[in-house]
Amino acid sequence: MPAALQRNRSCTDIGFTLRVQFQKDDFRPHQREIIEAALAGFDVYVQAATSFGKSLCFQLPAVVDRGIVSPLLSLMINQVEALRASGIDASSLNSNTPYAERNKIQRDLETGHPRTRLLYVTPELCSGSRFRERLQLVYKQKELARIAIDEAHCISEWGHDFRKDFKRLSWFRETFPDVPIMCLTATANPQVRQDVLSILGLDATLDRTKSFLMSPQRSNLHLEVRYTKDEDDNRLSDFLRWIRGVYDRRRAESRKAELNQVGERPENVPGIIYTISRDECESLSAALRDEGVGARPLHAKLPQNLKEETLSRWINNEPGYDIVVATTAFGMGIDKHNVRFVVHWRIPKSFEGYYQEAGRAGRDGNASYCFMYYTREDLERVTRMIRGDSKDGSNYDARLRSLHALALYCENTDACRHAEICKYFGDTSELECDFACDWHKDPENLEMRFLRGVASEEWVSTQAMQGTYDGYYDE
């Protein structure tokens, strides 16, 4: 048995820690097994859909087993604040960390016996020599309990979101061969998964590594594609009709149940609308406010204090902050469980990105709605964006394949949406939903909407299903 396995075995009551530190009554399915494997010193690979609760799988071991946990992702500030509110010494080291806080963290590491239980670090900072030197000092003092790498699919060049600094995280296994590594992701197909394991030095065929592969299906999400085209773009009017219908139903329910006596607002339907540009975040949120809908923009170019205020007020369900209109970079680490809908205003750049973003709805397990507006013109635009983003050829083929798969998913009118998603991520169990997608709900209506909205031209859906996107990817 590896020395790390012997050293890290613990008889701690992790259920007690769950209740006292995290104020949770019980584990979700498989969380206990994953945490026990981590505390036993195994390398752990976790692949589970958004809302599974992956963060707890590295947070709880850090409370039990003293050391540093590095998810290597600049998570939103509210997650660190939530940990601190629970009495857990957590910090985040990234480009936005204030100077005084950065110095405090660095001095803590330089002692070799840091008080920090969880340290969230960006992959870029992990590549720096000064941070590596401090981490090596902690390791020499036997205080480095494990490395946790969140969003691990970013390591693979076969993935949709490859980042060079993530690939350099192979340094951890090379430098700390006996420190367990945990990597977690919601979106990895079989090829990406094998690449991640290989780069990080996790051998799934050995007793040292335990893999947990959960079905990507989210049965509480209703999935739908809505078709339109540039010449008669009706997205705004269609969404307003939908959201006002939701408000009307909630008002009727409120009157019936007299919920207004306890101050519930019928228009409090928290949601996210994803766009692909900052300008559209601003213009769309303004258009919605003009129509009486509480929407606010959220993107990288906003001042930090405004972003934090918007995020906080949205999380707390304050009036006027029911919906955030965000670029696809938003959402990592957001701990908001009652998001009732996610709308993609335009097709995202990848299949993985689409499902990860849609998965931010309904994390409380209650029914939630996810729909995407799809046009072939948007598909052309995003294809050009990928081409422009990949001028050096980096990851171009993988990103294009992922977008192509998402376009096929959108244009498919002959199968369950949930089943198609599971198939893409390598789940061959042939699961189907319980009328939780537009195909199951009304396949004839779906085909009619597709033909009317998209395929009334020469290019018919059978060509798309055969993968012959003639002209779409030509220079």
Protein backbone atom coordinates (compact mmCIF):
# COMPACT_ATOMS: atom_id res chain seq x y z
CA MET A 1 0.00 0.00 0.00
CA PRO A 2 1.41 3.46 -0.89
CA ALA A 3 2.67 5.48 2.06
CA ALA A 4 0.12 8.19 1.33
CA LEU A 5 -2.70 5.70 1.77
CA GLN A 6 -1.40 4.63 5.17
CA ARG A 7 -0.75 8.18 6.36
CA ASN A 8 -4.15 9.60 5.45
CA ARG A 9 -6.49 6.95 6.80
CA SER A 10 -8.96 8.54 9.19
CA CYS A 11 -11.73 7.31 11.44
CA THR A 12 -13.18 10.81 11.72
CA ASP A 13 -16.96 10.98 11.70
CA ILE A 14 -17.39 12.80 8.39
CA GLY A 15 -21.15 12.89 8.93
CA PHE A 16 -20.57 14.99 12.06
CA THR A 17 -18.27 17.31 10.10
CA LEU A 18 -20.93 17.62 7.40
CA ARG A 19 -23.57 18.68 9.90
CA VAL A 20 -21.43 20.98 12.06
CA GLN A 21 -19.21 22.69 9.48
CA PHE A 22 -21.38 22.63 6.38
CA GLN A 23 -24.86 22.70 7.94
CA LYS A 24 -26.05 19.82 5.76
CA ASP A 25 -28.15 16.95 7.05
CA ASP A 26 -26.92 14.23 4.73
CA PHE A 27 -24.69 13.46 1.80
CA ARG A 28 -25.97 13.31 -1.73
CA PRO A 29 -25.55 9.96 -3.52
CA HIS A 30 -21.86 8.97 -3.92
CA GLN A 31 -20.46 11.98 -2.04
CA ARG A 32 -19.62 9.90 1.04
CA GLU A 33 -17.81 7.28 -1.06
CA ILE A 34 -15.75 9.94 -2.82
CA ILE A 35 -14.82 11.71 0.42
CA GLU A 36 -13.88 8.44 2.12
CA ALA A 37 -11.66 7.55 -0.86
CA ALA A 38 -9.97 10.97 -0.65
CA LEU A 39 -9.38 10.64 3.11
CA ALA A 40 -7.97 7.15 2.56
CA GLY A 41 -5.28 8.69 0.35
CA PHE A 42 -6.44 7.54 -3.07
CA ASP A 43 -6.12 9.55 -6.22
CA VAL A 44 -9.71 10.35 -7.18
CA TYR A 45 -11.34 11.19 -10.50
CA VAL A 46 -14.90 12.54 -10.30
CA GLN A 47 -17.13 13.17 -13.30
CA ALA A 48 -20.62 14.31 -12.39
CA ALA A 49 -23.21 16.73 -13.71
CA THR A 50 -23.48 20.27 -12.43
CA SER A 51 -25.48 20.28 -9.14
CA PHE A 52 -23.92 17.02 -7.92
CA GLY A 53 -22.00 18.92 -5.24
CA LYS A 54 -18.43 18.31 -6.39
CA SER A 55 -16.98 21.13 -4.28
CA LEU A 56 -17.95 19.37 -1.04
CA CYS A 57 -15.84 16.40 -2.15
CA PHE A 58 -12.65 18.43 -1.68
CA GLN A 59 -13.87 20.92 0.92
CA LEU A 60 -14.83 18.39 3.59
CA PRO A 61 -11.55 16.41 3.39
CA ALA A 62 -9.67 19.71 3.82
CA VAL A 63 -11.50 20.31 7.11
CA VAL A 64 -10.76 16.79 8.36
CA ASP A 65 -7.26 16.39 6.98
CA ARG A 66 -5.03 19.43 7.52
CA GLY A 67 -3.44 20.75 4.36
CA ILE A 68 -3.90 22.85 1.27
CA VAL A 69 -6.50 22.14 -1.36
CA SER A 70 -6.06 23.88 -4.69
CA PRO A 71 -8.99 23.70 -7.10
CA LEU A 72 -6.91 25.84 -9.44
CA LEU A 73 -9.86 27.93 -10.45
CA SER A 74 -10.73 31.50 -9.62
CA LEU A 75 -14.07 30.74 -8.08
CA MET A 76 -16.54 33.47 -7.27
CA ILE A 77 -15.98 35.30 -4.02
CA ASN A 78 -19.22 34.09 -2.45
CA GLN A 79 -17.92 30.51 -2.19
CA VAL A 80 -14.93 31.53 -0.08
CA GLU A 81 -17.15 33.77 2.03
CA ALA A 82 -19.56 30.88 2.60
CA LEU A 83 -16.71 28.67 3.83
CA ARG A 84 -15.45 31.38 6.17
CA ALA A 85 -18.97 31.90 7.49
CA SER A 86 -18.93 28.20 8.42
CA GLY A 87 -15.72 28.67 10.40
CA ILE A 88 -13.42 27.20 7.74
CA ASP A 89 -10.14 28.99 7.02
CA ALA A 90 -10.35 29.43 3.23
CA SER A 91 -8.60 31.90 0.95
CA SER A 92 -8.34 32.65 -2.74
CA LEU A 93 -5.12 33.59 -4.51
CA ASN A 94 -5.66 35.14 -7.93
CA SER A 95 -5.11 38.33 -9.89
CA ASN A 96 -7.94 40.08 -8.00
CA THR A 97 -6.68 39.22 -4.50
CA PRO A 98 -5.97 42.46 -2.58
CA TYR A 99 -2.31 43.15 -1.85
CA ALA A 100 -2.66 42.81 1.93
CA GLU A 101 -4.53 39.52 1.61
CA ARG A 102 -1.95 38.21 -0.87
CA ASN A 103 0.90 38.99 1.54
CA LYS A 104 -0.95 37.30 4.38
CA ILE A 105 -1.41 34.11 2.35
CA GLN A 106 2.22 34.09 1.23
CA ARG A 107 3.51 34.53 4.79
CA ASP A 108 1.22 31.73 5.91
CA LEU A 109 2.68 29.39 3.28
CA GLU A 110 6.24 30.41 4.14
CA THR A 111 5.82 29.05 7.68
CA GLY A 112 5.59 25.55 6.23
CA HIS A 113 2.68 24.95 8.61
CA PRO A 114 -0.12 27.06 7.12
CA ARG A 115 -3.31 27.75 9.02
CA THR A 116 -5.19 27.79 5.71
CA ARG A 117 -7.36 24.74 5.14
CA LEU A 118 -8.37 25.46 1.57
CA LEU A 119 -6.43 27.65 -0.79
CA TYR A 120 -8.09 28.38 -4.13
CA VAL A 121 -5.39 29.17 -6.69
CA THR A 122 -5.58 29.95 -10.40
CA PRO A 123 -3.57 27.69 -12.73
CA GLU A 124 -1.61 30.73 -13.91
CA LEU A 125 -0.29 31.40 -10.38
CA CYS A 126 0.48 27.69 -9.93
CA SER A 127 2.92 28.00 -12.81
CA GLY A 128 4.92 30.69 -10.99
CA SER A 129 8.25 29.79 -9.41
CA ARG A 130 7.62 31.69 -6.13
CA PHE A 131 4.33 29.91 -5.46
CA ARG A 132 5.90 26.56 -6.30
CA GLU A 133 8.78 27.19 -3.91
CA ARG A 134 6.36 27.96 -1.07
CA LEU A 135 4.29 24.87 -1.82
CA GLN A 136 7.43 22.71 -1.80
CA LEU A 137 8.21 24.06 1.69
CA VAL A 138 4.73 23.07 2.86
CA TYR A 139 5.25 19.63 1.34
CA LYS A 140 8.59 19.14 3.12
CA GLN A 141 6.81 19.81 6.42
CA LYS A 142 4.26 17.09 5.49
CA GLU A 143 1.41 19.60 5.53
CA LEU A 144 0.28 19.19 1.91
CA ALA A 145 -2.66 16.81 2.24
CA ARG A 146 -3.89 16.75 -1.35
CA ILE A 147 -4.22 18.63 -4.61
CA ALA A 148 -7.73 19.14 -5.97
CA ILE A 149 -8.15 20.27 -9.57
CA ASP A 150 -11.60 21.50 -10.48
CA GLU A 151 -12.74 21.88 -14.11
CA ALA A 152 -10.13 19.25 -14.96
CA HIS A 153 -11.27 19.00 -18.59
CA CYS A 154 -9.33 22.24 -19.20
CA ILE A 155 -6.15 20.13 -19.01
CA SER A 156 -6.86 18.26 -22.23
CA GLU A 157 -6.16 19.61 -25.69
CA TRP A 158 -9.05 17.41 -26.83
CA GLY A 159 -11.41 19.39 -24.60
CA HIS A 160 -13.50 22.42 -25.50
CA ASP A 161 -11.86 24.72 -22.96
CA PHE A 162 -8.16 23.81 -23.08
CA ARG A 163 -5.82 26.17 -21.23
CA LYS A 164 -2.05 25.80 -21.41
CA ASP A 165 -1.52 26.63 -17.73
CA PHE A 166 -3.82 23.75 -16.75
CA LYS A 167 -1.63 21.30 -18.66
CA ARG A 168 1.38 22.50 -16.65
CA LEU A 169 -0.31 21.10 -13.53
CA SER A 170 1.41 17.81 -14.36
CA TRP A 171 4.14 19.39 -12.18
CA PHE A 172 2.20 18.33 -9.07
CA ARG A 173 2.63 14.59 -9.58
CA GLU A 174 6.21 15.02 -10.76
CA THR A 175 7.14 17.07 -7.67
CA PHE A 176 4.87 15.52 -5.02
CA PRO A 177 4.63 11.86 -6.09
CA ASP A 178 3.01 10.67 -2.83
CA VAL A 179 0.43 13.48 -2.48
CA PRO A 180 -3.05 12.34 -3.59
CA ILE A 181 -4.64 14.20 -6.47
CA MET A 182 -8.38 14.72 -6.88
CA CYS A 183 -9.67 15.99 -10.20
CA LEU A 184 -13.27 16.90 -10.89
CA THR A 185 -15.29 17.85 -13.96
CA ALA A 186 -18.84 17.91 -15.22
CA THR A 187 -18.00 17.82 -18.90
CA ALA A 188 -15.52 15.29 -20.26
CA ASN A 189 -16.08 12.78 -23.03
CA PRO A 190 -14.11 9.49 -22.92
CA GLN A 191 -11.19 10.86 -24.94
CA VAL A 192 -10.83 13.93 -22.71
CA ARG A 193 -11.13 11.80 -19.56
CA GLN A 194 -8.26 9.53 -20.63
CA ASP A 195 -6.12 12.54 -21.53
CA VAL A 196 -6.70 14.14 -18.11
CA LEU A 197 -5.75 10.96 -16.26
CA SER A 198 -2.61 10.51 -18.33
CA ILE A 199 -1.35 14.11 -17.97
CA LEU A 200 -1.93 14.18 -14.21
CA GLY A 201 -0.35 10.78 -13.67
CA LEU A 202 -3.52 9.09 -12.44
CA ASP A 203 -3.58 5.48 -13.58
CA ALA A 204 -7.14 4.15 -13.40
CA THR A 205 -5.85 0.58 -13.78
CA LEU A 206 -3.93 0.73 -10.48
CA ASP A 207 -5.24 0.33 -6.93
CA ARG A 208 -4.10 3.86 -6.12
CA THR A 209 -6.83 5.55 -8.20
CA LYS A 210 -10.58 5.48 -7.75
CA SER A 211 -12.85 6.79 -10.51
CA PHE A 212 -16.44 7.90 -9.99
CA LEU A 213 -18.37 8.34 -13.23
CA MET A 214 -21.95 9.48 -12.74
CA SER A 215 -24.61 9.79 -15.40
CA PRO A 216 -24.76 13.31 -16.84
CA GLN A 217 -28.56 13.19 -16.91
CA ARG A 218 -30.41 15.89 -14.95
CA SER A 219 -33.98 14.64 -14.89
CA ASN A 220 -35.37 17.81 -13.24
CA LEU A 221 -34.37 19.98 -16.21
CA HIS A 222 -36.80 20.48 -19.08
CA LEU A 223 -34.70 20.91 -22.23
CA GLU A 224 -35.92 22.68 -25.35
CA VAL A 225 -34.56 24.26 -28.53
CA ARG A 226 -36.40 27.26 -30.01
CA TYR A 227 -35.78 28.00 -33.67
CA THR A 228 -35.57 31.37 -35.36
CA LYS A 229 -33.53 33.18 -38.03
CA ASP A 230 -32.15 36.64 -38.61
CA GLU A 231 -34.83 37.82 -41.01
CA ASP A 232 -37.62 37.32 -38.48
CA ASP A 233 -35.79 37.22 -35.16
CA ASN A 234 -38.45 37.02 -32.44
CA ARG A 235 -36.28 36.14 -29.44
CA LEU A 236 -37.14 39.14 -27.29
CA SER A 237 -40.90 38.96 -27.86
CA ASP A 238 -40.88 35.19 -27.40
CA PHE A 239 -38.98 35.39 -24.11
CA LEU A 240 -41.18 38.22 -22.81
CA ARG A 241 -44.28 36.20 -23.61
CA TRP A 242 -42.81 33.20 -21.77
CA ILE A 243 -41.60 35.04 -18.65
CA ARG A 244 -44.83 37.03 -18.34
CA GLY A 245 -46.75 33.76 -18.53
CA VAL A 246 -44.62 32.47 -15.66
CA TYR A 247 -45.30 35.63 -13.65
CA ASP A 248 -49.06 35.35 -14.29
CA ARG A 249 -49.13 31.75 -13.09
CA ARG A 250 -47.20 32.64 -9.95
CA ARG A 251 -49.55 35.53 -9.21
CA ALA A 252 -52.52 33.20 -9.53
CA GLU A 253 -50.85 30.68 -7.22
CA SER A 254 -49.95 33.45 -4.77
CA ARG A 255 -53.54 34.65 -4.58
CA LYS A 256 -54.80 31.13 -4.15
CA ALA A 257 -52.34 30.22 -1.40
CA GLU A 258 -52.18 33.74 0.11
CA LEU A 259 -48.40 33.65 -0.19
CA ASN A 260 -48.22 37.43 -0.42
CA GLN A 261 -48.82 37.52 3.34
CA VAL A 262 -45.26 36.29 3.82
CA GLY A 263 -43.81 38.71 1.30
CA GLU A 264 -43.11 36.44 -1.66
CA ARG A 265 -42.89 38.34 -4.93
CA PRO A 266 -44.64 36.61 -7.85
CA GLU A 267 -41.97 37.95 -10.23
CA ASN A 268 -39.18 36.39 -8.17
CA VAL A 269 -38.17 33.74 -10.70
CA PRO A 270 -34.36 33.66 -10.55
CA GLY A 271 -32.76 32.96 -13.90
CA ILE A 272 -29.74 33.35 -16.14
CA ILE A 273 -29.66 34.40 -19.78
CA TYR A 274 -26.39 33.59 -21.54
CA THR A 275 -25.13 35.60 -24.50
CA ILE A 276 -21.82 35.53 -26.36
CA SER A 277 -20.91 39.23 -26.20
CA ARG A 278 -20.62 41.90 -23.51
CA ASP A 279 -22.48 44.42 -25.68
CA GLU A 280 -25.48 42.12 -25.90
CA CYS A 281 -25.39 41.60 -22.13
CA GLU A 282 -25.85 45.35 -21.74
CA SER A 283 -28.41 45.89 -24.51
CA LEU A 284 -30.54 42.86 -23.68
CA SER A 285 -30.69 43.55 -19.94
CA ALA A 286 -31.65 47.17 -20.71
CA ALA A 287 -34.38 46.03 -23.11
CA LEU A 288 -35.78 43.68 -20.47
CA ARG A 289 -35.77 46.41 -17.82
CA ASP A 290 -37.64 48.67 -20.24
CA GLU A 291 -40.30 45.95 -20.34
CA GLY A 292 -40.53 45.78 -16.55
CA VAL A 293 -38.35 42.68 -16.08
CA GLY A 294 -35.69 42.86 -13.35
CA ALA A 295 -32.56 42.06 -15.36
CA ARG A 296 -28.93 43.11 -14.85
CA PRO A 297 -25.79 42.59 -16.96
CA LEU A 298 -22.85 40.59 -15.65
CA HIS A 299 -19.59 40.35 -17.60
CA ALA A 300 -15.84 40.70 -17.21
CA LYS A 301 -15.56 44.38 -18.18
CA LEU A 302 -17.82 45.64 -15.38
CA PRO A 303 -16.09 47.22 -12.35
CA GLN A 304 -15.34 44.58 -9.71
CA ASN A 305 -17.51 46.25 -7.06
CA LEU A 306 -20.47 46.39 -9.46
CA LYS A 307 -20.07 42.72 -10.36
CA GLU A 308 -19.96 41.73 -6.71
CA GLU A 309 -22.99 43.87 -5.88
CA THR A 310 -25.01 42.47 -8.79
CA LEU A 311 -24.08 38.92 -7.92
CA SER A 312 -24.89 39.38 -4.23
CA ARG A 313 -28.26 41.00 -4.86
CA TRP A 314 -29.18 38.33 -7.42
CA ILE A 315 -28.21 35.51 -5.04
CA ASN A 316 -30.31 37.14 -2.31
CA ASN A 317 -33.34 37.49 -4.64
CA GLU A 318 -33.57 41.27 -4.25
CA PRO A 319 -36.16 43.20 -6.31
CA GLY A 320 -34.84 44.24 -9.70
CA TYR A 321 -32.23 41.47 -9.69
CA ASP A 322 -34.28 38.46 -10.74
CA ILE A 323 -32.30 37.74 -13.91
CA VAL A 324 -28.63 38.14 -14.78
CA VAL A 325 -27.74 38.48 -18.44
CA ALA A 326 -24.22 37.10 -18.60
CA THR A 327 -21.44 36.04 -20.89
CA THR A 328 -20.56 32.37 -20.82
CA ALA A 329 -17.53 33.04 -18.56
CA PHE A 330 -19.96 33.69 -15.70
CA GLY A 331 -21.14 31.05 -13.28
CA MET A 332 -18.14 29.05 -12.11
CA GLY A 333 -18.49 28.33 -8.43
CA ILE A 334 -21.82 30.13 -8.02
CA ASP A 335 -23.69 28.69 -5.07
CA LYS A 336 -27.30 29.50 -5.93
CA HIS A 337 -29.61 26.53 -5.80
CA ASN A 338 -32.94 28.03 -6.85
CA VAL A 339 -32.16 29.16 -10.40
CA ARG A 340 -35.43 28.33 -12.13
CA PHE A 341 -34.37 28.80 -15.73
CA VAL A 342 -31.35 29.14 -17.98
CA VAL A 343 -31.74 30.61 -21.46
CA HIS A 344 -29.07 30.54 -24.16
CA TRP A 345 -29.77 33.58 -26.31
CA ARG A 346 -27.41 32.22 -28.96
CA ILE A 347 -25.72 28.88 -29.54
CA PRO A 348 -22.69 28.50 -27.21
CA LYS A 349 -19.23 27.66 -28.51
CA SER A 350 -19.30 24.05 -27.36
CA PHE A 351 -21.52 21.16 -26.34
CA GLU A 352 -19.74 20.97 -22.99
CA GLY A 353 -20.21 24.66 -22.33
CA TYR A 354 -23.91 24.44 -23.16
CA TYR A 355 -24.60 21.63 -20.73
CA GLN A 356 -22.46 23.06 -17.97
CA GLU A 357 -24.30 26.37 -18.20
CA ALA A 358 -27.74 24.77 -18.48
CA GLY A 359 -26.84 22.70 -15.43
CA ARG A 360 -26.78 25.81 -13.25
CA ALA A 361 -30.57 25.61 -13.21
CA GLY A 362 -32.40 23.54 -10.62
CA ARG A 363 -29.52 22.66 -8.32
CA ASP A 364 -32.10 22.27 -5.55
CA GLY A 365 -33.58 19.32 -7.45
CA ASN A 366 -36.81 21.12 -8.33
CA ALA A 367 -38.14 21.37 -11.85
CA SER A 368 -36.41 24.03 -13.96
CA TYR A 369 -36.50 25.14 -17.56
CA CYS A 370 -33.63 25.36 -20.05
CA PHE A 371 -34.04 26.50 -23.61
CA MET A 372 -31.76 27.68 -26.37
CA TYR A 373 -32.53 29.98 -29.28
CA TYR A 374 -30.94 28.44 -32.38
CA THR A 375 -30.29 29.94 -35.79
CA ARG A 376 -27.95 28.82 -38.54
CA GLU A 377 -26.74 32.40 -38.83
CA ASP A 378 -25.57 32.23 -35.20
CA LEU A 379 -23.89 28.92 -35.96
CA GLU A 380 -21.92 30.63 -38.73
CA ARG A 381 -21.00 33.51 -36.40
CA VAL A 382 -19.75 31.23 -33.64
CA THR A 383 -17.80 29.17 -36.15
CA ARG A 384 -16.02 32.34 -37.25
CA MET A 385 -15.37 33.23 -33.60
CA ILE A 386 -13.73 29.85 -32.99
CA ARG A 387 -11.66 30.30 -36.12
CA GLY A 388 -10.57 33.74 -34.90
CA ASP A 389 -9.80 32.48 -31.39
CA SER A 390 -7.67 29.64 -32.78
CA LYS A 391 -5.33 31.53 -35.09
CA ASP A 392 -2.38 29.49 -33.84
CA GLY A 393 -4.26 26.27 -34.57
CA SER A 394 -4.49 25.45 -30.85
CA ASN A 395 -7.42 23.18 -30.07
CA TYR A 396 -9.21 24.24 -33.27
CA ASP A 397 -10.33 20.79 -34.41
CA ALA A 398 -11.60 19.76 -30.98
CA ARG A 399 -13.57 22.99 -30.52
CA LEU A 400 -15.06 22.73 -33.98
CA ARG A 401 -16.11 19.11 -33.40
CA SER A 402 -17.81 20.11 -30.15
CA LEU A 403 -19.71 22.96 -31.83
CA HIS A 404 -20.65 20.64 -34.69
CA ALA A 405 -22.05 18.10 -32.20
CA LEU A 406 -24.09 20.84 -30.51
CA ALA A 407 -25.53 21.95 -33.88
CA LEU A 408 -26.54 18.35 -34.61
CA TYR A 409 -28.19 18.18 -31.20
CA CYS A 410 -30.15 21.35 -31.95
CA GLU A 411 -31.28 20.13 -35.36
CA ASN A 412 -32.19 16.63 -34.21
CA THR A 413 -35.98 16.24 -34.07
CA ASP A 414 -36.00 12.45 -33.69
CA ALA A 415 -34.64 11.69 -30.22
CA CYS A 416 -34.81 12.55 -26.53
CA ARG A 417 -32.62 15.53 -25.64
CA HIS A 418 -31.45 13.91 -22.40
CA ALA A 419 -30.53 10.69 -24.21
CA GLU A 420 -28.49 12.63 -26.79
CA ILE A 421 -26.59 14.44 -24.04
CA CYS A 422 -25.82 11.19 -22.24
CA LYS A 423 -24.60 9.64 -25.49
CA TYR A 424 -22.25 12.56 -26.15
CA PHE A 425 -20.60 12.17 -22.74
CA GLY A 426 -20.15 8.43 -23.16
CA ASP A 427 -23.12 7.17 -21.14
CA THR A 428 -24.43 4.24 -23.18
CA SER A 429 -27.21 3.20 -20.81
CA GLU A 430 -29.82 4.62 -23.23
CA LEU A 431 -31.58 6.70 -20.62
CA GLU A 432 -34.56 8.78 -21.64
CA CYS A 433 -36.42 11.46 -19.77
CA ASP A 434 -39.93 11.45 -18.34
CA PHE A 435 -41.40 14.00 -20.77
CA ALA A 436 -38.72 16.52 -19.73
CA CYS A 437 -37.73 17.64 -23.23
CA ASP A 438 -39.42 19.14 -26.27
CA TRP A 439 -39.18 15.87 -28.24
CA HIS A 440 -40.95 13.81 -25.60
CA LYS A 441 -43.48 16.52 -24.96
CA ASP A 442 -44.59 16.88 -28.59
CA PRO A 443 -42.38 15.45 -31.38
CA GLU A 444 -44.69 16.62 -34.16
CA ASN A 445 -44.66 20.17 -32.86
CA LEU A 446 -40.87 20.05 -32.55
CA GLU A 447 -40.44 19.01 -36.18
CA MET A 448 -42.92 21.63 -37.35
CA ARG A 449 -41.09 24.37 -35.42
CA PHE A 450 -37.78 23.24 -36.87
CA LEU A 451 -39.06 23.20 -40.45
CA ARG A 452 -40.73 26.57 -40.05
CA GLY A 453 -37.89 28.22 -38.15
CA VAL A 454 -34.76 26.77 -39.73
CA ALA A 455 -35.07 24.17 -42.44
CA SER A 456 -37.41 25.77 -44.95
CA GLU A 457 -34.43 26.31 -47.25
CA GLU A 458 -32.58 23.85 -49.49
CA TRP A 459 -30.38 22.55 -46.70
CA VAL A 460 -32.60 19.93 -45.02
CA SER A 461 -32.15 18.31 -41.65
CA THR A 462 -31.01 14.98 -43.09
CA GLN A 463 -27.85 16.68 -44.36
CA ALA A 464 -27.12 17.98 -40.87
CA MET A 465 -27.62 14.55 -39.33
CA GLN A 466 -25.11 13.11 -41.82
CA GLY A 467 -22.57 15.73 -40.74
CA THR A 468 -22.38 17.45 -44.12
CA TYR A 469 -22.30 21.12 -43.14
CA ASP A 470 -21.27 22.17 -46.67
CA GLY A 471 -19.67 25.59 -46.67
CA TYR A 472 -20.06 26.21 -42.93
CA TYR A 473 -16.44 25.54 -42.07
CA ASP A 474 -14.80 26.62 -45.31
CA GLU A 475 -12.39 29.52 -45.33
